[in-house]
C-alpha cells in the first residue's frame, strides 16, 4: 500500500511563494509518473502539473505555466511543487497522486491515478 503525504501548504499573500512536498512510501516510487492536482470549494479537481518517473518529462496546466515548477528526488521518494507569483485563484487544496501504470509523461486526468495524498491547503490572500 502506497502512502502519499503532502506538506508545505499555508497562507501567503498575492505574489508570494510556497513549496509543496509530497513524500511517498514504498520502494517503487522512481518507477511511476506523479501528478499535482488542486480542488477549490465547489469546483472539480483539476490538473496542475505532472512529471515522468525519471523527472525528465514535465507538463503544466496553462494557468500555472511559468509560475509553478514540478520536480522530484527519487532518492528521497519525494515530489515537489514550487509555486511562485501566487494569485488568489490558486487558493485550493493541493493533492499529489501516483500513477502506477505509467512511467512516461503524466496524464492530466485524475482518473488515471491510483494513489492520492490527503491534501494540503494553500490560501492566497489579496
N, C-alpha and C. Protein backbone atom coordinates (compact mmCIF):
# COMPACT_ATOMS: atom_id res chain seq x y z
N UNK A 1 0.84 -1.19 0.00
CA UNK A 1 0.00 0.00 0.00
C UNK A 1 0.88 1.24 0.00
N UNK A 2 0.63 2.12 -0.94
CA UNK A 2 1.39 3.36 -1.04
C UNK A 2 0.73 4.44 -0.21
N UNK A 3 1.53 5.18 0.49
CA UNK A 3 1.03 6.35 1.23
C UNK A 3 1.73 7.59 0.71
N UNK A 4 0.95 8.61 0.45
CA UNK A 4 1.47 9.89 -0.02
C UNK A 4 1.09 10.95 1.02
N UNK A 5 2.07 11.73 1.44
CA UNK A 5 1.83 12.74 2.47
C UNK A 5 2.33 14.08 1.96
N UNK A 6 1.39 15.01 1.77
CA UNK A 6 1.75 16.36 1.32
C UNK A 6 2.06 17.25 2.51
N UNK A 7 2.89 18.24 2.27
CA UNK A 7 3.19 19.24 3.28
C UNK A 7 3.61 20.52 2.57
N UNK A 8 3.67 21.61 3.34
CA UNK A 8 4.15 22.86 2.79
C UNK A 8 3.09 23.89 2.47
N UNK A 9 1.84 23.51 2.61
CA UNK A 9 0.79 24.48 2.35
C UNK A 9 0.71 25.54 3.42
N UNK A 10 -0.12 26.55 3.19
CA UNK A 10 -0.28 27.61 4.17
C UNK A 10 -0.92 28.84 3.58
N UNK A 11 -0.83 29.91 4.34
CA UNK A 11 -1.41 31.19 3.93
C UNK A 11 -0.29 32.08 3.41
N UNK A 12 -0.49 32.65 2.24
CA UNK A 12 0.54 33.50 1.63
C UNK A 12 -0.15 34.66 0.92
N UNK A 13 0.55 35.77 0.84
CA UNK A 13 -0.01 36.93 0.16
C UNK A 13 0.17 36.82 -1.35
N UNK A 14 -0.64 37.57 -2.06
CA UNK A 14 -0.52 37.62 -3.52
C UNK A 14 0.92 37.95 -3.90
N UNK A 15 1.42 37.21 -4.87
CA UNK A 15 2.79 37.41 -5.33
C UNK A 15 3.81 36.61 -4.57
N UNK A 16 3.39 35.95 -3.51
CA UNK A 16 4.32 35.17 -2.71
C UNK A 16 4.60 33.80 -3.30
N UNK A 17 5.38 33.03 -2.54
CA UNK A 17 5.81 31.71 -2.99
C UNK A 17 5.59 30.66 -1.91
N UNK A 18 5.41 29.45 -2.33
CA UNK A 18 5.35 28.29 -1.44
C UNK A 18 5.96 27.11 -2.17
N UNK A 19 6.51 26.18 -1.40
CA UNK A 19 6.96 24.92 -1.99
C UNK A 19 6.25 23.78 -1.30
N UNK A 20 5.50 23.03 -2.07
CA UNK A 20 4.82 21.86 -1.56
C UNK A 20 5.71 20.63 -1.74
N UNK A 21 5.62 19.72 -0.79
CA UNK A 21 6.33 18.45 -0.87
C UNK A 21 5.34 17.31 -0.75
N UNK A 22 5.66 16.21 -1.37
CA UNK A 22 4.84 15.01 -1.28
C UNK A 22 5.79 13.84 -1.07
N UNK A 23 5.75 13.27 0.12
CA UNK A 23 6.61 12.14 0.44
C UNK A 23 5.85 10.84 0.24
N UNK A 24 6.46 9.92 -0.47
CA UNK A 24 5.82 8.65 -0.79
C UNK A 24 6.49 7.49 -0.07
N UNK A 25 5.68 6.57 0.39
CA UNK A 25 6.21 5.33 0.96
C UNK A 25 6.43 4.34 -0.18
N UNK A 26 7.12 3.28 0.08
CA UNK A 26 7.29 2.25 -0.93
C UNK A 26 8.60 2.37 -1.68
N UNK A 27 9.07 1.26 -2.20
CA UNK A 27 10.37 1.19 -2.85
C UNK A 27 10.30 1.43 -4.34
N UNK A 28 9.10 1.62 -4.89
CA UNK A 28 8.97 1.71 -6.34
C UNK A 28 8.61 3.11 -6.81
N UNK A 29 8.80 4.10 -5.97
CA UNK A 29 8.44 5.48 -6.30
C UNK A 29 9.07 5.90 -7.62
N UNK A 30 10.30 5.56 -7.85
CA UNK A 30 11.03 6.01 -9.03
C UNK A 30 10.51 5.41 -10.33
N UNK A 31 9.57 4.49 -10.26
CA UNK A 31 9.07 3.82 -11.46
C UNK A 31 7.84 4.49 -12.05
N UNK A 32 7.25 5.45 -11.33
CA UNK A 32 5.93 5.93 -11.72
C UNK A 32 5.86 7.45 -11.91
N UNK A 33 4.99 7.82 -12.84
CA UNK A 33 4.68 9.24 -13.01
C UNK A 33 3.91 9.76 -11.81
N UNK A 34 4.10 11.03 -11.54
CA UNK A 34 3.42 11.68 -10.42
C UNK A 34 2.72 12.94 -10.91
N UNK A 35 1.66 13.29 -10.23
CA UNK A 35 0.93 14.50 -10.59
C UNK A 35 0.56 15.32 -9.36
N UNK A 36 0.42 16.60 -9.60
CA UNK A 36 -0.17 17.51 -8.60
C UNK A 36 -1.52 17.98 -9.15
N UNK A 37 -2.52 17.97 -8.30
CA UNK A 37 -3.85 18.44 -8.63
C UNK A 37 -4.29 19.41 -7.55
N UNK A 38 -5.35 20.14 -7.84
CA UNK A 38 -5.92 21.02 -6.83
C UNK A 38 -7.43 21.05 -6.96
N UNK A 39 -8.06 21.37 -5.84
CA UNK A 39 -9.52 21.46 -5.82
C UNK A 39 -9.94 22.62 -4.95
N UNK A 40 -10.63 23.56 -5.56
CA UNK A 40 -11.19 24.70 -4.84
C UNK A 40 -12.62 24.38 -4.45
N UNK A 41 -13.16 25.05 -3.43
CA UNK A 41 -14.53 24.78 -2.99
C UNK A 41 -15.52 24.93 -4.13
N UNK A 42 -16.37 23.92 -4.30
CA UNK A 42 -17.39 23.97 -5.32
C UNK A 42 -16.92 23.69 -6.72
N UNK A 43 -15.64 23.34 -6.87
CA UNK A 43 -15.09 23.08 -8.19
C UNK A 43 -14.55 21.65 -8.28
N UNK A 44 -14.39 21.20 -9.50
CA UNK A 44 -13.83 19.87 -9.71
C UNK A 44 -12.31 19.89 -9.49
N UNK A 45 -11.80 18.71 -9.19
CA UNK A 45 -10.35 18.58 -9.05
C UNK A 45 -9.71 18.79 -10.42
N UNK A 46 -8.66 19.59 -10.45
CA UNK A 46 -8.03 19.90 -11.73
C UNK A 46 -6.53 19.63 -11.70
N UNK A 47 -6.02 19.27 -12.86
CA UNK A 47 -4.60 19.01 -13.03
C UNK A 47 -3.81 20.30 -12.89
N UNK A 48 -2.68 20.22 -12.21
CA UNK A 48 -1.80 21.37 -12.06
C UNK A 48 -0.48 21.11 -12.79
N UNK A 49 0.15 19.99 -12.45
CA UNK A 49 1.45 19.67 -13.04
C UNK A 49 1.70 18.18 -12.93
N UNK A 50 2.51 17.67 -13.84
CA UNK A 50 2.86 16.25 -13.81
C UNK A 50 4.31 16.05 -14.18
N UNK A 51 4.85 14.92 -13.76
CA UNK A 51 6.25 14.64 -14.01
C UNK A 51 6.43 13.15 -14.27
N UNK A 52 7.28 12.82 -15.22
CA UNK A 52 7.53 11.42 -15.53
C UNK A 52 8.35 10.76 -14.43
N UNK A 53 8.48 9.46 -14.49
CA UNK A 53 9.20 8.71 -13.47
C UNK A 53 10.65 9.18 -13.35
N UNK A 54 11.28 9.47 -14.48
CA UNK A 54 12.68 9.89 -14.47
C UNK A 54 12.86 11.33 -14.07
N UNK A 55 11.78 12.10 -14.18
CA UNK A 55 11.87 13.53 -13.89
C UNK A 55 12.17 14.38 -15.11
N UNK A 56 12.43 13.74 -16.24
CA UNK A 56 12.80 14.49 -17.44
C UNK A 56 11.59 15.17 -18.07
N UNK A 57 10.47 14.45 -18.11
CA UNK A 57 9.28 14.98 -18.74
C UNK A 57 8.35 15.66 -17.75
N UNK A 58 7.96 16.90 -18.06
CA UNK A 58 7.03 17.62 -17.20
C UNK A 58 5.92 18.23 -18.04
N UNK A 59 4.81 18.52 -17.39
CA UNK A 59 3.65 19.10 -18.04
C UNK A 59 2.96 20.00 -17.05
N UNK A 60 2.40 21.11 -17.55
CA UNK A 60 1.75 22.08 -16.68
C UNK A 60 0.42 22.52 -17.27
N UNK A 61 -0.51 22.80 -16.38
CA UNK A 61 -1.73 23.47 -16.80
C UNK A 61 -1.38 24.87 -17.27
N UNK A 62 -2.13 25.36 -18.24
CA UNK A 62 -1.85 26.71 -18.76
C UNK A 62 -1.92 27.76 -17.66
N UNK A 63 -2.77 27.55 -16.69
CA UNK A 63 -2.98 28.54 -15.63
C UNK A 63 -1.77 28.71 -14.72
N UNK A 64 -0.87 27.74 -14.71
CA UNK A 64 0.29 27.81 -13.81
C UNK A 64 1.61 27.82 -14.55
N UNK A 65 1.58 27.64 -15.85
CA UNK A 65 2.81 27.57 -16.64
C UNK A 65 3.61 28.85 -16.47
N UNK A 66 4.90 28.69 -16.20
CA UNK A 66 5.76 29.84 -15.99
C UNK A 66 5.82 30.32 -14.55
N UNK A 67 4.91 29.84 -13.73
CA UNK A 67 4.89 30.23 -12.30
C UNK A 67 5.20 29.05 -11.38
N UNK A 68 4.79 27.86 -11.77
CA UNK A 68 4.98 26.66 -10.94
C UNK A 68 6.03 25.76 -11.59
N UNK A 69 6.76 25.05 -10.74
CA UNK A 69 7.75 24.08 -11.22
C UNK A 69 7.61 22.79 -10.44
N UNK A 70 7.44 21.70 -11.17
CA UNK A 70 7.38 20.40 -10.54
C UNK A 70 8.75 19.73 -10.66
N UNK A 71 9.15 19.03 -9.62
CA UNK A 71 10.41 18.30 -9.65
C UNK A 71 10.27 17.09 -8.73
N UNK A 72 11.25 16.22 -8.80
CA UNK A 72 11.22 15.04 -7.93
C UNK A 72 12.64 14.64 -7.57
N UNK A 73 12.75 14.03 -6.40
CA UNK A 73 14.01 13.47 -5.93
C UNK A 73 13.73 12.00 -5.64
N UNK A 74 14.09 11.15 -6.55
CA UNK A 74 13.76 9.73 -6.40
C UNK A 74 14.54 9.08 -5.25
N UNK A 75 15.67 9.63 -4.91
CA UNK A 75 16.42 9.10 -3.77
C UNK A 75 15.70 9.36 -2.46
N UNK A 76 14.88 10.40 -2.45
CA UNK A 76 14.14 10.76 -1.23
C UNK A 76 12.66 10.40 -1.34
N UNK A 77 12.26 9.76 -2.43
CA UNK A 77 10.84 9.40 -2.63
C UNK A 77 9.94 10.62 -2.46
N UNK A 78 10.33 11.72 -3.03
CA UNK A 78 9.60 12.96 -2.83
C UNK A 78 9.42 13.71 -4.15
N UNK A 79 8.23 14.26 -4.33
CA UNK A 79 7.95 15.14 -5.45
C UNK A 79 7.60 16.51 -4.89
N UNK A 80 8.02 17.54 -5.60
CA UNK A 80 7.86 18.91 -5.14
C UNK A 80 7.02 19.73 -6.12
N UNK A 81 6.42 20.78 -5.60
CA UNK A 81 5.77 21.77 -6.45
C UNK A 81 6.18 23.14 -5.93
N UNK A 82 7.06 23.79 -6.65
CA UNK A 82 7.46 25.15 -6.31
C UNK A 82 6.47 26.11 -6.96
N UNK A 83 5.85 26.94 -6.14
CA UNK A 83 4.83 27.86 -6.62
C UNK A 83 5.29 29.29 -6.39
N UNK A 84 5.32 30.08 -7.44
CA UNK A 84 5.74 31.48 -7.36
C UNK A 84 4.64 32.37 -7.93
N UNK A 85 4.75 33.65 -7.63
CA UNK A 85 3.78 34.64 -8.15
C UNK A 85 2.35 34.17 -7.92
N UNK A 86 2.08 33.76 -6.71
CA UNK A 86 0.77 33.19 -6.41
C UNK A 86 -0.34 34.22 -6.53
N UNK A 87 -1.49 33.72 -6.97
CA UNK A 87 -2.67 34.55 -7.19
C UNK A 87 -3.81 34.03 -6.33
N UNK A 88 -4.81 34.87 -6.06
CA UNK A 88 -5.96 34.39 -5.27
C UNK A 88 -6.61 33.15 -5.90
N UNK A 89 -6.63 33.06 -7.20
CA UNK A 89 -7.26 31.91 -7.85
C UNK A 89 -6.46 30.62 -7.70
N UNK A 90 -5.28 30.69 -7.13
CA UNK A 90 -4.51 29.48 -6.81
C UNK A 90 -4.96 28.86 -5.49
N UNK A 91 -5.82 29.54 -4.77
CA UNK A 91 -6.32 29.02 -3.50
C UNK A 91 -7.09 27.73 -3.71
N UNK A 92 -6.67 26.69 -3.03
CA UNK A 92 -7.27 25.37 -3.19
C UNK A 92 -6.58 24.39 -2.24
N UNK A 93 -7.15 23.20 -2.16
CA UNK A 93 -6.45 22.08 -1.55
C UNK A 93 -5.64 21.41 -2.65
N UNK A 94 -4.37 21.21 -2.38
CA UNK A 94 -3.46 20.61 -3.36
C UNK A 94 -3.18 19.16 -2.98
N UNK A 95 -3.28 18.30 -3.99
CA UNK A 95 -3.08 16.87 -3.81
C UNK A 95 -1.96 16.37 -4.72
N UNK A 96 -1.19 15.43 -4.22
CA UNK A 96 -0.28 14.71 -5.11
C UNK A 96 -0.87 13.32 -5.37
N UNK A 97 -0.48 12.75 -6.47
CA UNK A 97 -1.03 11.46 -6.87
C UNK A 97 0.01 10.66 -7.65
N UNK A 98 -0.10 9.35 -7.55
CA UNK A 98 0.84 8.45 -8.22
C UNK A 98 0.09 7.57 -9.22
N UNK A 99 0.66 7.45 -10.40
CA UNK A 99 0.07 6.63 -11.45
C UNK A 99 0.94 5.39 -11.64
N UNK A 100 0.49 4.27 -11.10
CA UNK A 100 1.30 3.06 -11.12
C UNK A 100 1.21 2.28 -12.43
N UNK A 101 0.54 2.86 -13.41
CA UNK A 101 0.50 2.23 -14.72
C UNK A 101 1.32 3.01 -15.75
N UNK A 102 2.08 3.97 -15.28
CA UNK A 102 2.71 4.90 -16.21
C UNK A 102 4.06 5.39 -15.70
N UNK A 103 5.09 5.25 -16.53
CA UNK A 103 6.38 5.82 -16.16
C UNK A 103 6.75 6.98 -17.08
N UNK A 104 5.90 7.26 -18.07
CA UNK A 104 6.18 8.34 -19.00
C UNK A 104 5.58 9.65 -18.57
N UNK A 105 5.21 10.45 -19.53
CA UNK A 105 4.61 11.74 -19.22
C UNK A 105 3.33 11.54 -18.42
N UNK A 106 3.15 12.36 -17.42
CA UNK A 106 2.00 12.20 -16.55
C UNK A 106 0.71 12.58 -17.28
N UNK A 107 -0.34 11.85 -16.99
CA UNK A 107 -1.64 12.16 -17.55
C UNK A 107 -2.27 13.33 -16.80
N UNK A 108 -3.18 13.99 -17.46
CA UNK A 108 -3.88 15.12 -16.84
C UNK A 108 -5.19 14.69 -16.18
N UNK A 109 -5.67 13.50 -16.48
CA UNK A 109 -6.94 13.06 -15.93
C UNK A 109 -6.76 12.47 -14.55
N UNK A 110 -7.51 12.95 -13.55
CA UNK A 110 -7.40 12.39 -12.19
C UNK A 110 -7.71 10.90 -12.16
N UNK A 111 -8.56 10.44 -13.05
CA UNK A 111 -8.95 9.04 -13.05
C UNK A 111 -7.83 8.07 -13.38
N UNK A 112 -6.73 8.58 -13.92
CA UNK A 112 -5.60 7.73 -14.28
C UNK A 112 -4.73 7.37 -13.07
N UNK A 113 -4.93 8.04 -11.97
CA UNK A 113 -4.04 7.90 -10.82
C UNK A 113 -4.57 6.89 -9.80
N UNK A 114 -3.65 6.17 -9.21
CA UNK A 114 -4.02 5.07 -8.32
C UNK A 114 -4.01 5.44 -6.84
N UNK A 115 -3.11 6.32 -6.47
CA UNK A 115 -2.98 6.69 -5.06
C UNK A 115 -2.96 8.21 -4.93
N UNK A 116 -3.55 8.67 -3.82
CA UNK A 116 -3.67 10.09 -3.55
C UNK A 116 -3.25 10.40 -2.13
N UNK A 117 -2.70 11.58 -1.95
CA UNK A 117 -2.46 12.07 -0.60
C UNK A 117 -3.71 12.69 -0.03
N UNK A 118 -3.60 13.17 1.20
CA UNK A 118 -4.76 13.72 1.89
C UNK A 118 -4.98 15.19 1.54
N UNK A 119 -3.98 15.81 0.92
CA UNK A 119 -4.11 17.20 0.51
C UNK A 119 -3.53 18.18 1.51
N UNK A 120 -3.13 19.33 0.99
CA UNK A 120 -2.63 20.42 1.83
C UNK A 120 -3.25 21.71 1.33
N UNK A 121 -3.72 22.53 2.25
CA UNK A 121 -4.43 23.75 1.91
C UNK A 121 -3.45 24.86 1.55
N UNK A 122 -3.71 25.51 0.43
CA UNK A 122 -2.98 26.71 0.02
C UNK A 122 -3.99 27.85 -0.09
N UNK A 123 -3.74 28.92 0.64
CA UNK A 123 -4.63 30.06 0.62
C UNK A 123 -3.81 31.30 0.26
N UNK A 124 -4.23 31.98 -0.79
CA UNK A 124 -3.54 33.18 -1.25
C UNK A 124 -4.45 34.37 -0.97
N UNK A 125 -3.98 35.26 -0.13
CA UNK A 125 -4.80 36.40 0.27
C UNK A 125 -4.40 37.64 -0.54
N UNK A 126 -5.41 38.44 -0.84
CA UNK A 126 -5.16 39.67 -1.62
C UNK A 126 -5.11 40.88 -0.72
